[in-house]
Amino acid sequence: MLTVYAYQNCDTCRKALKWLKAEGISHEVKAIRETPPAPAELHAAIKALGGELRPLFNTAGGDYRELGMKDKLPTMTADEAVALLSKNGNLVKRPFVIGEGVVLTGFKEDEWRKALK
């Protein structure tokens, strides 16, 4: 089962959820602000992304700018990133999808089709 972390006022999240429904792909939705991804999920995502941290961050978000993440992210460890992301769902790139052998951040239909079909 896929878990989709989304924000209800996010157009990209709505498009992604609409696409999943149209494709008949079973999923569970969690509110990313109220229920950020768990540390274990974030560690799994980092591993699946080849150790890259940046794809997990909502670099266009206000919290990212307010916390000065542009300067902090390049020197962060995975553990530091996970600690921050697991407590602040606004910092997580959305939609964030995790499931058996699948990690997706943001919504690009071609990437999702390749990963989920």
Protein backbone atom coordinates (compact mmCIF):
# COMPACT_ATOMS: atom_id res chain seq x y z
CA MET A 1 0.00 0.00 0.00
CA LEU A 2 1.28 3.44 -0.92
CA THR A 3 1.26 6.21 1.63
CA VAL A 4 0.84 9.67 0.15
CA TYR A 5 1.73 12.60 2.36
CA ALA A 6 -0.12 15.59 0.98
CA TYR A 7 -1.39 19.04 1.86
CA GLN A 8 -5.04 19.68 1.00
CA ASN A 9 -4.39 23.23 -0.29
CA CYS A 10 -1.57 22.12 -2.59
CA ASP A 11 -2.51 22.04 -6.29
CA THR A 12 0.26 19.56 -7.08
CA CYS A 13 -0.98 17.24 -4.33
CA ARG A 14 -4.53 17.43 -5.66
CA LYS A 15 -3.32 16.60 -9.19
CA ALA A 16 -1.32 13.65 -7.87
CA LEU A 17 -4.24 12.27 -5.87
CA LYS A 18 -6.57 12.70 -8.84
CA TRP A 19 -4.07 10.82 -11.02
CA LEU A 20 -3.77 7.96 -8.54
CA LYS A 21 -7.55 7.64 -8.38
CA ALA A 22 -7.88 7.72 -12.19
CA GLU A 23 -5.20 5.02 -12.50
CA GLY A 24 -6.88 2.86 -9.86
CA ILE A 25 -3.78 2.83 -7.65
CA SER A 26 -4.63 2.04 -4.05
CA HIS A 27 -3.19 4.50 -1.54
CA GLU A 28 -3.59 6.01 1.90
CA VAL A 29 -3.42 9.78 2.33
CA LYS A 30 -1.87 11.44 5.36
CA ALA A 31 -1.88 15.17 6.08
CA ILE A 32 1.79 16.12 5.77
CA ARG A 33 1.61 19.14 8.08
CA GLU A 34 -0.15 17.31 10.89
CA THR A 35 1.54 13.94 10.38
CA PRO A 36 4.99 14.33 8.81
CA PRO A 37 6.75 11.22 7.52
CA ALA A 38 8.28 9.06 10.24
CA PRO A 39 12.06 8.92 10.66
CA ALA A 40 12.15 5.34 9.32
CA GLU A 41 10.30 6.43 6.18
CA LEU A 42 12.64 9.37 5.66
CA HIS A 43 15.74 7.19 6.13
CA ALA A 44 14.31 4.73 3.58
CA ALA A 45 13.69 7.63 1.18
CA ILE A 46 17.24 8.92 1.56
CA LYS A 47 18.57 5.45 0.81
CA ALA A 48 16.29 5.13 -2.24
CA LEU A 49 17.44 8.56 -3.44
CA GLY A 50 21.08 7.51 -3.31
CA GLY A 51 21.82 9.51 -0.18
CA GLU A 52 20.53 12.77 -1.62
CA LEU A 53 18.81 15.04 0.91
CA ARG A 54 17.70 17.96 -1.26
CA PRO A 55 14.90 16.08 -3.11
CA LEU A 56 13.14 15.60 0.23
CA PHE A 57 12.97 19.32 0.98
CA ASN A 58 10.27 21.75 -0.11
CA THR A 59 12.79 24.32 -1.33
CA ALA A 60 10.02 26.69 -2.45
CA GLY A 61 8.39 26.83 0.97
CA GLY A 62 8.40 29.65 3.47
CA ASP A 63 9.75 27.48 6.29
CA TYR A 64 12.72 26.49 4.10
CA ARG A 65 13.58 30.16 3.57
CA GLU A 66 12.87 31.24 7.16
CA LEU A 67 15.16 28.53 8.56
CA GLY A 68 17.95 29.42 6.13
CA MET A 69 17.99 25.88 4.78
CA LYS A 70 19.70 26.93 1.54
CA ASP A 71 22.89 27.49 3.53
CA LYS A 72 22.38 24.69 6.09
CA LEU A 73 21.36 21.82 3.80
CA PRO A 74 24.72 21.30 2.06
CA THR A 75 26.43 20.49 5.38
CA MET A 76 23.59 18.55 7.03
CA THR A 77 23.88 14.90 7.87
CA ALA A 78 21.09 12.49 7.01
CA ASP A 79 20.25 12.17 10.71
CA GLU A 80 19.97 15.95 11.10
CA ALA A 81 17.75 16.19 8.01
CA VAL A 82 15.51 13.37 9.21
CA ALA A 83 15.16 14.93 12.66
CA LEU A 84 14.07 18.21 11.09
CA LEU A 85 11.77 16.79 8.41
CA SER A 86 10.03 14.36 10.76
CA LYS A 87 9.00 17.26 13.00
CA ASN A 88 8.10 19.84 10.34
CA GLY A 89 5.90 18.59 7.50
CA ASN A 90 6.08 22.01 5.83
CA LEU A 91 9.71 21.29 4.99
CA VAL A 92 8.94 18.02 3.17
CA LYS A 93 8.61 18.12 -0.61
CA ARG A 94 5.03 17.25 -1.43
CA PRO A 95 3.43 15.09 -2.31
CA PHE A 96 5.76 12.62 -0.63
CA VAL A 97 5.00 9.02 -1.55
CA ILE A 98 6.45 5.92 0.02
CA GLY A 99 5.57 2.28 -0.45
CA GLU A 100 7.12 -1.11 -1.13
CA GLY A 101 10.17 -0.23 -3.26
CA VAL A 102 8.78 3.22 -4.16
CA VAL A 103 9.79 6.72 -3.10
CA LEU A 104 8.48 9.76 -4.98
CA THR A 105 8.73 13.46 -4.18
CA GLY A 106 6.71 16.05 -6.04
CA PHE A 107 4.43 15.03 -8.89
CA LYS A 108 5.70 14.38 -12.38
CA GLU A 109 3.23 12.14 -14.16
CA ASP A 110 5.84 10.38 -16.31
CA GLU A 111 7.97 9.52 -13.28
CA TRP A 112 4.95 8.32 -11.33
CA ARG A 113 3.71 6.20 -14.24
CA LYS A 114 7.13 4.56 -14.58
CA ALA A 115 7.43 3.91 -10.83
CA LEU A 116 3.86 2.78 -10.17
CA LYS A 117 2.75 0.88 -13.26
